[in-house]
Amino acid sequence: CVAASWFAATFLARVLDVSPIMMHCVHSPHSASCGASVVDLLSSLSWLSAVISFAVVDCPTHPNQPAVCSGGISKLIAGIADVSSTATTVAGACSNNQTSDSLDDFDLEGPQG
């Protein structure tokens, strides 16, 4: 229960940090780095939802089946969003027409970085 609360606080902080979106989307809203940043936000929201759902399962004394279902669906959405964001970043970083200067637009550390 305590661990779930810490994870929820961590993902809430990530959701509130919109600086990657501001950095990548203000001047080039149709860029791959902007898309990856937006999908990272969706991922963080989904992970937050999953962690809260699993906390509802772990913290009380009797099981809550709808919370298990909600947590599983949220975790699935978060995983898909993580794959989408990473694929966008890798595609942009590995493109033949990229220069080393343009790679500064990509967060190569990923959402946990």
PDB file of N, CA and C in Angstrom:
ATOM      1  N   CYS A   1       0.827  -1.191   0.000  1.00  0.00           N
ATOM      2  CA  CYS A   1       0.000   0.000   0.000  1.00  0.00           C
ATOM      3  C   CYS A   1       0.875   1.260   0.000  1.00  0.00           C
ATOM      4  N   VAL A   2       1.917   1.242   0.828  1.00  0.00           N
ATOM      5  CA  VAL A   2       2.820   2.395   0.887  1.00  0.00           C
ATOM      6  C   VAL A   2       3.550   2.566  -0.442  1.00  0.00           C
ATOM      7  N   ALA A   3       4.016   1.463  -1.009  1.00  0.00           N
ATOM      8  CA  ALA A   3       4.729   1.543  -2.294  1.00  0.00           C
ATOM      9  C   ALA A   3       3.817   2.091  -3.388  1.00  0.00           C
ATOM     10  N   ALA A   4       2.581   1.661  -3.400  1.00  0.00           N
ATOM     11  CA  ALA A   4       1.638   2.159  -4.409  1.00  0.00           C
ATOM     12  C   ALA A   4       1.432   3.663  -4.253  1.00  0.00           C
ATOM     13  N   SER A   5       1.398   4.139  -3.031  1.00  0.00           N
ATOM     14  CA  SER A   5       1.244   5.576  -2.797  1.00  0.00           C
ATOM     15  C   SER A   5       2.453   6.350  -3.313  1.00  0.00           C
ATOM     16  N   TRP A   6       3.652   5.811  -3.095  1.00  0.00           N
ATOM     17  CA  TRP A   6       4.871   6.466  -3.597  1.00  0.00           C
ATOM     18  C   TRP A   6       4.888   6.479  -5.122  1.00  0.00           C
ATOM     19  N   PHE A   7       4.524   5.351  -5.726  1.00  0.00           N
ATOM     20  CA  PHE A   7       4.481   5.299  -7.188  1.00  0.00           C
ATOM     21  C   PHE A   7       3.449   6.296  -7.732  1.00  0.00           C
ATOM     22  N   ALA A   8       2.312   6.400  -7.069  1.00  0.00           N
ATOM     23  CA  ALA A   8       1.284   7.349  -7.509  1.00  0.00           C
ATOM     24  C   ALA A   8       1.818   8.779  -7.441  1.00  0.00           C
ATOM     25  N   ALA A   9       2.528   9.106  -6.382  1.00  0.00           N
ATOM     26  CA  ALA A   9       3.104  10.456  -6.259  1.00  0.00           C
ATOM     27  C   ALA A   9       4.132  10.709  -7.363  1.00  0.00           C
ATOM     28  N   THR A  10       4.922   9.697  -7.686  1.00  0.00           N
ATOM     29  CA  THR A  10       5.932   9.836  -8.742  1.00  0.00           C
ATOM     30  C   THR A  10       5.277  10.095 -10.091  1.00  0.00           C
ATOM     31  N   PHE A  11       4.270   9.307 -10.434  1.00  0.00           N
ATOM     32  CA  PHE A  11       3.611   9.490 -11.728  1.00  0.00           C
ATOM     33  C   PHE A  11       2.794  10.776 -11.765  1.00  0.00           C
ATOM     34  N   LEU A  12       2.258  11.209 -10.628  1.00  0.00           N
ATOM     35  CA  LEU A  12       1.558  12.488 -10.592  1.00  0.00           C
ATOM     36  C   LEU A  12       2.542  13.623 -10.895  1.00  0.00           C
ATOM     37  N   ALA A  13       3.741  13.548 -10.339  1.00  0.00           N
ATOM     38  CA  ALA A  13       4.765  14.564 -10.626  1.00  0.00           C
ATOM     39  C   ALA A  13       5.121  14.567 -12.106  1.00  0.00           C
ATOM     40  N   ARG A  14       5.208  13.386 -12.709  1.00  0.00           N
ATOM     41  CA  ARG A  14       5.515  13.299 -14.143  1.00  0.00           C
ATOM     42  C   ARG A  14       4.389  13.868 -14.986  1.00  0.00           C
ATOM     43  N   VAL A  15       3.150  13.675 -14.572  1.00  0.00           N
ATOM     44  CA  VAL A  15       2.011  14.223 -15.304  1.00  0.00           C
ATOM     45  C   VAL A  15       2.024  15.747 -15.230  1.00  0.00           C
ATOM     46  N   LEU A  16       2.377  16.282 -14.069  1.00  0.00           N
ATOM     47  CA  LEU A  16       2.372  17.730 -13.886  1.00  0.00           C
ATOM     48  C   LEU A  16       3.538  18.423 -14.590  1.00  0.00           C
ATOM     49  N   ASP A  17       4.577  17.669 -14.950  1.00  0.00           N
ATOM     50  CA  ASP A  17       5.730  18.254 -15.644  1.00  0.00           C
ATOM     51  C   ASP A  17       5.458  18.250 -17.145  1.00  0.00           C
ATOM     52  N   VAL A  18       4.963  19.358 -17.636  1.00  0.00           N
ATOM     53  CA  VAL A  18       4.653  19.471 -19.062  1.00  0.00           C
ATOM     54  C   VAL A  18       5.771  20.173 -19.834  1.00  0.00           C
ATOM     55  N   SER A  19       6.934  20.350 -19.205  1.00  0.00           N
ATOM     56  CA  SER A  19       8.019  21.056 -19.886  1.00  0.00           C
ATOM     57  C   SER A  19       8.476  20.371 -21.170  1.00  0.00           C
ATOM     58  N   PRO A  20       8.520  19.004 -21.262  1.00  0.00           N
ATOM     59  CA  PRO A  20       8.888  18.414 -22.550  1.00  0.00           C
ATOM     60  C   PRO A  20       7.904  18.777 -23.668  1.00  0.00           C
ATOM     61  N   ILE A  21       6.630  18.823 -23.345  1.00  0.00           N
ATOM     62  CA  ILE A  21       5.638  19.187 -24.352  1.00  0.00           C
ATOM     63  C   ILE A  21       5.837  20.645 -24.766  1.00  0.00           C
ATOM     64  N   MET A  22       6.060  21.510 -23.801  1.00  0.00           N
ATOM     65  CA  MET A  22       6.281  22.923 -24.118  1.00  0.00           C
ATOM     66  C   MET A  22       7.549  23.094 -24.961  1.00  0.00           C
ATOM     67  N   MET A  23       8.590  22.363 -24.625  1.00  0.00           N
ATOM     68  CA  MET A  23       9.855  22.488 -25.338  1.00  0.00           C
ATOM     69  C   MET A  23       9.733  21.984 -26.778  1.00  0.00           C
ATOM     70  N   HIS A  24       9.043  20.866 -26.983  1.00  0.00           N
ATOM     71  CA  HIS A  24       9.002  20.241 -28.306  1.00  0.00           C
ATOM     72  C   HIS A  24       7.830  20.689 -29.175  1.00  0.00           C
ATOM     73  N   CYS A  25       6.756  21.178 -28.572  1.00  0.00           N
ATOM     74  CA  CYS A  25       5.543  21.430 -29.355  1.00  0.00           C
ATOM     75  C   CYS A  25       5.262  22.891 -29.664  1.00  0.00           C
ATOM     76  N   VAL A  26       5.861  23.813 -28.943  1.00  0.00           N
ATOM     77  CA  VAL A  26       5.540  25.223 -29.154  1.00  0.00           C
ATOM     78  C   VAL A  26       5.952  25.678 -30.551  1.00  0.00           C
ATOM     79  N   HIS A  27       7.169  25.344 -30.963  1.00  0.00           N
ATOM     80  CA  HIS A  27       7.668  25.824 -32.252  1.00  0.00           C
ATOM     81  C   HIS A  27       7.460  24.825 -33.390  1.00  0.00           C
ATOM     82  N   SER A  28       7.317  23.563 -33.061  1.00  0.00           N
ATOM     83  CA  SER A  28       7.116  22.567 -34.128  1.00  0.00           C
ATOM     84  C   SER A  28       6.078  21.536 -33.678  1.00  0.00           C
ATOM     85  N   PRO A  29       4.791  21.931 -33.714  1.00  0.00           N
ATOM     86  CA  PRO A  29       3.733  21.056 -33.196  1.00  0.00           C
ATOM     87  C   PRO A  29       3.521  19.768 -33.986  1.00  0.00           C
ATOM     88  N   HIS A  30       4.043  19.679 -35.194  1.00  0.00           N
ATOM     89  CA  HIS A  30       3.846  18.470 -35.991  1.00  0.00           C
ATOM     90  C   HIS A  30       5.101  17.601 -36.045  1.00  0.00           C
ATOM     91  N   SER A  31       6.067  17.880 -35.165  1.00  0.00           N
ATOM     92  CA  SER A  31       7.312  17.113 -35.176  1.00  0.00           C
ATOM     93  C   SER A  31       7.155  15.792 -34.433  1.00  0.00           C
ATOM     94  N   ALA A  32       8.059  14.875 -34.721  1.00  0.00           N
ATOM     95  CA  ALA A  32       8.043  13.575 -34.045  1.00  0.00           C
ATOM     96  C   ALA A  32       8.320  13.736 -32.559  1.00  0.00           C
ATOM     97  N   SER A  33       9.201  14.667 -32.203  1.00  0.00           N
ATOM     98  CA  SER A  33       9.519  14.852 -30.783  1.00  0.00           C
ATOM     99  C   SER A  33       8.313  15.407 -30.022  1.00  0.00           C
ATOM    100  N   CYS A  34       7.504  16.235 -30.666  1.00  0.00           N
ATOM    101  CA  CYS A  34       6.280  16.731 -30.038  1.00  0.00           C
ATOM    102  C   CYS A  34       5.305  15.566 -29.833  1.00  0.00           C
ATOM    103  N   GLY A  35       5.139  14.761 -30.856  1.00  0.00           N
ATOM    104  CA  GLY A  35       4.247  13.599 -30.741  1.00  0.00           C
ATOM    105  C   GLY A  35       4.690  12.657 -29.644  1.00  0.00           C
ATOM    106  N   ALA A  36       5.989  12.400 -29.567  1.00  0.00           N
ATOM    107  CA  ALA A  36       6.512  11.508 -28.531  1.00  0.00           C
ATOM    108  C   ALA A  36       6.270  12.095 -27.144  1.00  0.00           C
ATOM    109  N   SER A  37       6.420  13.406 -27.002  1.00  0.00           N
ATOM    110  CA  SER A  37       6.193  14.052 -25.699  1.00  0.00           C
ATOM    111  C   SER A  37       4.735  13.962 -25.276  1.00  0.00           C
ATOM    112  N   VAL A  38       3.829  14.136 -26.223  1.00  0.00           N
ATOM    113  CA  VAL A  38       2.395  14.042 -25.917  1.00  0.00           C
ATOM    114  C   VAL A  38       2.037  12.609 -25.527  1.00  0.00           C
ATOM    115  N   VAL A  39       2.573  11.638 -26.241  1.00  0.00           N
ATOM    116  CA  VAL A  39       2.292  10.240 -25.916  1.00  0.00           C
ATOM    117  C   VAL A  39       2.912   9.865 -24.569  1.00  0.00           C
ATOM    118  N   ASP A  40       4.068  10.450 -24.231  1.00  0.00           N
ATOM    119  CA  ASP A  40       4.655  10.224 -22.907  1.00  0.00           C
ATOM    120  C   ASP A  40       3.721  10.720 -21.805  1.00  0.00           C
ATOM    121  N   LEU A  41       3.056  11.860 -22.039  1.00  0.00           N
ATOM    122  CA  LEU A  41       2.091  12.359 -21.065  1.00  0.00           C
ATOM    123  C   LEU A  41       0.930  11.383 -20.918  1.00  0.00           C
ATOM    124  N   LEU A  42       0.429  10.864 -22.036  1.00  0.00           N
ATOM    125  CA  LEU A  42      -0.640   9.860 -21.991  1.00  0.00           C
ATOM    126  C   LEU A  42      -0.172   8.625 -21.216  1.00  0.00           C
ATOM    127  N   SER A  43       1.059   8.225 -21.454  1.00  0.00           N
ATOM    128  CA  SER A  43       1.616   7.081 -20.732  1.00  0.00           C
ATOM    129  C   SER A  43       1.648   7.343 -19.229  1.00  0.00           C
ATOM    130  N   SER A  44       2.119   8.513 -18.843  1.00  0.00           N
ATOM    131  CA  SER A  44       2.191   8.846 -17.414  1.00  0.00           C
ATOM    132  C   SER A  44       0.805   8.869 -16.777  1.00  0.00           C
ATOM    133  N   LEU A  45      -0.174   9.422 -17.491  1.00  0.00           N
ATOM    134  CA  LEU A  45      -1.551   9.416 -16.977  1.00  0.00           C
ATOM    135  C   LEU A  45      -2.071   7.991 -16.811  1.00  0.00           C
ATOM    136  N   SER A  46      -1.751   7.136 -17.762  1.00  0.00           N
ATOM    137  CA  SER A  46      -2.203   5.741 -17.690  1.00  0.00           C
ATOM    138  C   SER A  46      -1.520   4.999 -16.554  1.00  0.00           C
ATOM    139  N   TRP A  47      -0.202   5.229 -16.388  1.00  0.00           N
ATOM    140  CA  TRP A  47       0.506   4.588 -15.266  1.00  0.00           C
ATOM    141  C   TRP A  47      -0.060   5.081 -13.938  1.00  0.00           C
ATOM    142  N   LEU A  48      -0.370   6.381 -13.851  1.00  0.00           N
ATOM    143  CA  LEU A  48      -0.966   6.922 -12.627  1.00  0.00           C
ATOM    144  C   LEU A  48      -2.300   6.240 -12.339  1.00  0.00           C
ATOM    145  N   SER A  49      -3.117   6.091 -13.366  1.00  0.00           N
ATOM    146  CA  SER A  49      -4.399   5.412 -13.208  1.00  0.00           C
ATOM    147  C   SER A  49      -4.216   3.965 -12.741  1.00  0.00           C
ATOM    148  N   ALA A  50      -3.248   3.268 -13.337  1.00  0.00           N
ATOM    149  CA  ALA A  50      -2.995   1.874 -12.960  1.00  0.00           C
ATOM    150  C   ALA A  50      -2.536   1.766 -11.515  1.00  0.00           C
ATOM    151  N   VAL A  51      -1.623   2.629 -11.114  1.00  0.00           N
ATOM    152  CA  VAL A  51      -1.090   2.577  -9.744  1.00  0.00           C
ATOM    153  C   VAL A  51      -2.184   2.871  -8.728  1.00  0.00           C
ATOM    154  N   ILE A  52      -3.026   3.857  -9.022  1.00  0.00           N
ATOM    155  CA  ILE A  52      -4.129   4.162  -8.104  1.00  0.00           C
ATOM    156  C   ILE A  52      -5.105   2.993  -8.036  1.00  0.00           C
ATOM    157  N   SER A  53      -5.398   2.389  -9.172  1.00  0.00           N
ATOM    158  CA  SER A  53      -6.304   1.235  -9.178  1.00  0.00           C
ATOM    159  C   SER A  53      -5.732   0.085  -8.358  1.00  0.00           C
ATOM    160  N   PHE A  54      -4.441  -0.193  -8.541  1.00  0.00           N
ATOM    161  CA  PHE A  54      -3.831  -1.286  -7.786  1.00  0.00           C
ATOM    162  C   PHE A  54      -3.710  -0.947  -6.303  1.00  0.00           C
ATOM    163  N   ALA A  55      -3.591   0.341  -5.959  1.00  0.00           N
ATOM    164  CA  ALA A  55      -3.591   0.735  -4.545  1.00  0.00           C
ATOM    165  C   ALA A  55      -4.958   0.459  -3.921  1.00  0.00           C
ATOM    166  N   VAL A  56      -6.013   0.677  -4.704  1.00  0.00           N
ATOM    167  CA  VAL A  56      -7.368   0.387  -4.222  1.00  0.00           C
ATOM    168  C   VAL A  56      -7.519  -1.110  -3.975  1.00  0.00           C
ATOM    169  N   VAL A  57      -6.802  -1.916  -4.742  1.00  0.00           N
ATOM    170  CA  VAL A  57      -6.853  -3.366  -4.555  1.00  0.00           C
ATOM    171  C   VAL A  57      -6.035  -3.770  -3.326  1.00  0.00           C
ATOM    172  N   ASP A  58      -4.838  -3.207  -3.180  1.00  0.00           N
ATOM    173  CA  ASP A  58      -3.913  -3.643  -2.131  1.00  0.00           C
ATOM    174  C   ASP A  58      -4.204  -3.076  -0.753  1.00  0.00           C
ATOM    175  N   CYS A  59      -4.715  -1.874  -0.669  1.00  0.00           N
ATOM    176  CA  CYS A  59      -4.842  -1.202   0.628  1.00  0.00           C
ATOM    177  C   CYS A  59      -6.022  -1.683   1.484  1.00  0.00           C
ATOM    178  N   PRO A  60      -7.209  -1.899   0.943  1.00  0.00           N
ATOM    179  CA  PRO A  60      -8.301  -2.349   1.812  1.00  0.00           C
ATOM    180  C   PRO A  60      -8.174  -3.828   2.202  1.00  0.00           C
ATOM    181  N   THR A  61      -9.030  -4.235   3.102  1.00  0.00           N
ATOM    182  CA  THR A  61      -8.959  -5.610   3.587  1.00  0.00           C
ATOM    183  C   THR A  61      -9.657  -6.615   2.680  1.00  0.00           C
ATOM    184  N   HIS A  62     -10.613  -6.208   1.861  1.00  0.00           N
ATOM    185  CA  HIS A  62     -11.262  -7.150   0.944  1.00  0.00           C
ATOM    186  C   HIS A  62     -11.010  -6.739  -0.503  1.00  0.00           C
ATOM    187  N   PRO A  63     -10.908  -7.743  -1.384  1.00  0.00           N
ATOM    188  CA  PRO A  63     -10.566  -7.482  -2.784  1.00  0.00           C
ATOM    189  C   PRO A  63     -11.601  -6.619  -3.495  1.00  0.00           C
ATOM    190  N   ASN A  64     -11.136  -5.903  -4.483  1.00  0.00           N
ATOM    191  CA  ASN A  64     -11.995  -5.040  -5.289  1.00  0.00           C
ATOM    192  C   ASN A  64     -11.766  -5.407  -6.749  1.00  0.00           C
ATOM    193  N   GLN A  65     -12.597  -6.308  -7.273  1.00  0.00           N
ATOM    194  CA  GLN A  65     -12.424  -6.818  -8.627  1.00  0.00           C
ATOM    195  C   GLN A  65     -12.481  -5.727  -9.701  1.00  0.00           C
ATOM    196  N   PRO A  66     -13.386  -4.753  -9.625  1.00  0.00           N
ATOM    197  CA  PRO A  66     -13.374  -3.697 -10.652  1.00  0.00           C
ATOM    198  C   PRO A  66     -12.055  -2.916 -10.678  1.00  0.00           C
ATOM    199  N   ALA A  67     -11.429  -2.727  -9.513  1.00  0.00           N
ATOM    200  CA  ALA A  67     -10.148  -2.013  -9.469  1.00  0.00           C
ATOM    201  C   ALA A  67      -9.042  -2.837 -10.128  1.00  0.00           C
ATOM    202  N   VAL A  68      -9.096  -4.165  -9.989  1.00  0.00           N
ATOM    203  CA  VAL A  68      -8.123  -5.030 -10.665  1.00  0.00           C
ATOM    204  C   VAL A  68      -8.274  -4.887 -12.176  1.00  0.00           C
ATOM    205  N   CYS A  69      -9.508  -4.893 -12.639  1.00  0.00           N
ATOM    206  CA  CYS A  69      -9.782  -4.736 -14.065  1.00  0.00           C
ATOM    207  C   CYS A  69      -9.304  -3.367 -14.559  1.00  0.00           C
ATOM    208  N   SER A  70      -9.643  -2.327 -13.821  1.00  0.00           N
ATOM    209  CA  SER A  70      -9.239  -0.969 -14.185  1.00  0.00           C
ATOM    210  C   SER A  70      -7.719  -0.832 -14.235  1.00  0.00           C
ATOM    211  N   GLY A  71      -7.049  -1.404 -13.237  1.00  0.00           N
ATOM    212  CA  GLY A  71      -5.590  -1.346 -13.202  1.00  0.00           C
ATOM    213  C   GLY A  71      -4.964  -2.063 -14.383  1.00  0.00           C
ATOM    214  N   GLY A  72      -5.508  -3.204 -14.744  1.00  0.00           N
ATOM    215  CA  GLY A  72      -4.988  -3.960 -15.882  1.00  0.00           C
ATOM    216  C   GLY A  72      -5.166  -3.227 -17.203  1.00  0.00           C
ATOM    217  N   ILE A  73      -6.329  -2.638 -17.395  1.00  0.00           N
ATOM    218  CA  ILE A  73      -6.585  -1.890 -18.627  1.00  0.00           C
ATOM    219  C   ILE A  73      -5.676  -0.661 -18.695  1.00  0.00           C
ATOM    220  N   SER A  74      -5.552   0.049 -17.582  1.00  0.00           N
ATOM    221  CA  SER A  74      -4.691   1.237 -17.550  1.00  0.00           C
ATOM    222  C   SER A  74      -3.229   0.877 -17.814  1.00  0.00           C
ATOM    223  N   LYS A  75      -2.793  -0.237 -17.246  1.00  0.00           N
ATOM    224  CA  LYS A  75      -1.415  -0.688 -17.462  1.00  0.00           C
ATOM    225  C   LYS A  75      -1.194  -1.061 -18.932  1.00  0.00           C
ATOM    226  N   LEU A  76      -2.180  -1.681 -19.552  1.00  0.00           N
ATOM    227  CA  LEU A  76      -2.098  -2.022 -20.973  1.00  0.00           C
ATOM    228  C   LEU A  76      -1.983  -0.758 -21.831  1.00  0.00           C
ATOM    229  N   ILE A  77      -2.810   0.237 -21.546  1.00  0.00           N
ATOM    230  CA  ILE A  77      -2.757   1.499 -22.295  1.00  0.00           C
ATOM    231  C   ILE A  77      -1.404   2.177 -22.093  1.00  0.00           C
ATOM    232  N   ALA A  78      -0.896   2.166 -20.861  1.00  0.00           N
ATOM    233  CA  ALA A  78       0.411   2.777 -20.579  1.00  0.00           C
ATOM    234  C   ALA A  78       1.517   2.079 -21.352  1.00  0.00           C
ATOM    235  N   GLY A  79       1.469   0.762 -21.405  1.00  0.00           N
ATOM    236  CA  GLY A  79       2.484   0.012 -22.150  1.00  0.00           C
ATOM    237  C   GLY A  79       2.448   0.313 -23.640  1.00  0.00           C
ATOM    238  N   ILE A  80       1.253   0.385 -24.195  1.00  0.00           N
ATOM    239  CA  ILE A  80       1.115   0.710 -25.617  1.00  0.00           C
ATOM    240  C   ILE A  80       1.625   2.128 -25.886  1.00  0.00           C
ATOM    241  N   ALA A  81       1.309   3.049 -24.991  1.00  0.00           N
ATOM    242  CA  ALA A  81       1.785   4.428 -25.154  1.00  0.00           C
ATOM    243  C   ALA A  81       3.308   4.484 -25.063  1.00  0.00           C
ATOM    244  N   ASP A  82       3.907   3.708 -24.147  1.00  0.00           N
ATOM    245  CA  ASP A  82       5.371   3.669 -24.037  1.00  0.00           C
ATOM    246  C   ASP A  82       6.000   3.161 -25.329  1.00  0.00           C
ATOM    247  N   VAL A  83       5.428   2.097 -25.898  1.00  0.00           N
ATOM    248  CA  VAL A  83       5.955   1.549 -27.152  1.00  0.00           C
ATOM    249  C   VAL A  83       5.819   2.580 -28.279  1.00  0.00           C
ATOM    250  N   SER A  84       4.683   3.253 -28.342  1.00  0.00           N
ATOM    251  CA  SER A  84       4.461   4.259 -29.395  1.00  0.00           C
ATOM    252  C   SER A  84       5.451   5.408 -29.292  1.00  0.00           C
ATOM    253  N   SER A  85       5.650   5.897 -28.091  1.00  0.00           N
ATOM    254  CA  SER A  85       6.587   7.004 -27.886  1.00  0.00           C
ATOM    255  C   SER A  85       8.010   6.598 -28.236  1.00  0.00           C
ATOM    256  N   THR A  86       8.406   5.408 -27.804  1.00  0.00           N
ATOM    257  CA  THR A  86       9.756   4.927 -28.091  1.00  0.00           C
ATOM    258  C   THR A  86       9.945   4.699 -29.580  1.00  0.00           C
ATOM    259  N   ALA A  87       8.952   4.135 -30.240  1.00  0.00           N
ATOM    260  CA  ALA A  87       9.051   3.900 -31.683  1.00  0.00           C
ATOM    261  C   ALA A  87       9.188   5.225 -32.438  1.00  0.00           C
ATOM    262  N   THR A  88       8.450   6.245 -32.017  1.00  0.00           N
ATOM    263  CA  THR A  88       8.552   7.557 -32.651  1.00  0.00           C
ATOM    264  C   THR A  88       9.941   8.142 -32.463  1.00  0.00           C
ATOM    265  N   THR A  89      10.468   8.026 -31.273  1.00  0.00           N
ATOM    266  CA  THR A  89      11.800   8.550 -30.971  1.00  0.00           C
ATOM    267  C   THR A  89      12.876   7.806 -31.754  1.00  0.00           C
ATOM    268  N   VAL A  90      12.794   6.482 -31.773  1.00  0.00           N
ATOM    269  CA  VAL A  90      13.792   5.678 -32.494  1.00  0.00           C
ATOM    270  C   VAL A  90      13.709   5.951 -33.995  1.00  0.00           C
ATOM    271  N   ALA A  91      12.506   6.036 -34.521  1.00  0.00           N
ATOM    272  CA  ALA A  91      12.362   6.297 -35.955  1.00  0.00           C
ATOM    273  C   ALA A  91      13.004   7.629 -36.334  1.00  0.00           C
ATOM    274  N   GLY A  92      12.784   8.631 -35.522  1.00  0.00           N
ATOM    275  CA  GLY A  92      13.380   9.930 -35.794  1.00  0.00           C
ATOM    276  C   GLY A  92      14.884   9.934 -35.619  1.00  0.00           C
ATOM    277  N   ALA A  93      15.366   9.244 -34.593  1.00  0.00           N
ATOM    278  CA  ALA A  93      16.801   9.218 -34.319  1.00  0.00           C
ATOM    279  C   ALA A  93      17.560   8.382 -35.341  1.00  0.00           C
ATOM    280  N   CYS A  94      16.924   7.384 -35.916  1.00  0.00           N
ATOM    281  CA  CYS A  94      17.606   6.476 -36.843  1.00  0.00           C
ATOM    282  C   CYS A  94      17.361   6.823 -38.310  1.00  0.00           C
ATOM    283  N   SER A  95      16.588   7.851 -38.563  1.00  0.00           N
ATOM    284  CA  SER A  95      16.299   8.246 -39.935  1.00  0.00           C
ATOM    285  C   SER A  95      17.578   8.682 -40.641  1.00  0.00           C
ATOM    286  N   ASN A  96      17.699   8.364 -41.914  1.00  0.00           N
ATOM    287  CA  ASN A  96      18.892   8.719 -42.687  1.00  0.00           C
ATOM    288  C   ASN A  96      19.054  10.217 -42.879  1.00  0.00           C
ATOM    289  N   ASN A  97      17.984  10.981 -42.767  1.00  0.00           N
ATOM    290  CA  ASN A  97      18.093  12.416 -43.001  1.00  0.00           C
ATOM    291  C   ASN A  97      18.275  13.215 -41.715  1.00  0.00           C
ATOM    292  N   GLN A  98      18.590  12.560 -40.609  1.00  0.00           N
ATOM    293  CA  GLN A  98      18.840  13.248 -39.348  1.00  0.00           C
ATOM    294  C   GLN A  98      20.303  13.642 -39.246  1.00  0.00           C
ATOM    295  N   THR A  99      20.554  14.811 -38.705  1.00  0.00           N
ATOM    296  CA  THR A  99      21.919  15.227 -38.401  1.00  0.00           C
ATOM    297  C   THR A  99      22.099  15.158 -36.894  1.00  0.00           C
ATOM    298  N   SER A 100      23.314  15.207 -36.446  1.00  0.00           N
ATOM    299  CA  SER A 100      23.565  15.122 -35.002  1.00  0.00           C
ATOM    300  C   SER A 100      22.939  16.304 -34.268  1.00  0.00           C
ATOM    301  N   ASP A 101      22.827  17.480 -34.916  1.00  0.00           N
ATOM    302  CA  ASP A 101      22.202  18.629 -34.272  1.00  0.00           C
ATOM    303  C   ASP A 101      20.713  18.413 -34.062  1.00  0.00           C
ATOM    304  N   SER A 102      20.045  17.749 -35.005  1.00  0.00           N
ATOM    305  CA  SER A 102      18.601  17.573 -34.882  1.00  0.00           C
ATOM    306  C   SER A 102      18.234  16.510 -33.855  1.00  0.00           C
ATOM    307  N   LEU A 103      19.187  15.697 -33.430  1.00  0.00           N
ATOM    308  CA  LEU A 103      18.896  14.681 -32.425  1.00  0.00           C
ATOM    309  C   LEU A 103      18.703  15.284 -31.043  1.00  0.00           C
ATOM    310  N   ASP A 104      19.082  16.551 -30.863  1.00  0.00           N
ATOM    311  CA  ASP A 104      18.865  17.208 -29.585  1.00  0.00           C
ATOM    312  C   ASP A 104      17.385  17.319 -29.255  1.00  0.00           C
ATOM    313  N   ASP A 105      16.521  17.215 -30.266  1.00  0.00           N
ATOM    314  CA  ASP A 105      15.080  17.313 -30.044  1.00  0.00           C
ATOM    315  C   ASP A 105      14.497  16.067 -29.394  1.00  0.00           C
ATOM    316  N   PHE A 106      15.238  14.979 -29.362  1.00  0.00           N
ATOM    317  CA  PHE A 106      14.703  13.713 -28.878  1.00  0.00           C
ATOM    318  C   PHE A 106      15.177  13.428 -27.460  1.00  0.00           C
ATOM    319  N   ASP A 107      14.271  12.944 -26.634  1.00  0.00           N
ATOM    320  CA  ASP A 107      14.595  12.510 -25.288  1.00  0.00           C
ATOM    321  C   ASP A 107      14.940  11.035 -25.361  1.00  0.00           C
ATOM    322  N   LEU A 108      16.226  10.733 -25.490  1.00  0.00           N
ATOM    323  CA  LEU A 108      16.643   9.352 -25.700  1.00  0.00           C
ATOM    324  C   LEU A 108      16.663   8.553 -24.406  1.00  0.00           C
ATOM    325  N   GLU A 109      16.436   9.209 -23.269  1.00  0.00           N
ATOM    326  CA  GLU A 109      16.398   8.489 -22.004  1.00  0.00           C
ATOM    327  C   GLU A 109      15.037   7.865 -21.747  1.00  0.00           C
ATOM    328  N   GLY A 110      14.023   8.297 -22.446  1.00  0.00           N
ATOM    329  CA  GLY A 110      12.687   7.733 -22.282  1.00  0.00           C
ATOM    330  C   GLY A 110      11.964   8.331 -21.098  1.00  0.00           C
ATOM    331  N   PRO A 111      10.750   7.859 -20.836  1.00  0.00           N
ATOM    332  CA  PRO A 111       9.912   8.452 -19.803  1.00  0.00           C
ATOM    333  C   PRO A 111      10.428   8.235 -18.395  1.00  0.00           C
ATOM    334  N   GLN A 112      11.240   7.197 -18.151  1.00  0.00           N
ATOM    335  CA  GLN A 112      11.742   6.969 -16.808  1.00  0.00           C
ATOM    336  C   GLN A 112      13.039   7.719 -16.562  1.00  0.00           C
ATOM    337  N   GLY A 113      13.575   8.445 -17.565  1.00  0.00           N
ATOM    338  CA  GLY A 113      14.870   9.124 -17.476  1.00  0.00           C
ATOM    339  C   GLY A 113      14.843  10.341 -16.690  1.00  0.00           C
TER     340      GLY A 113
END
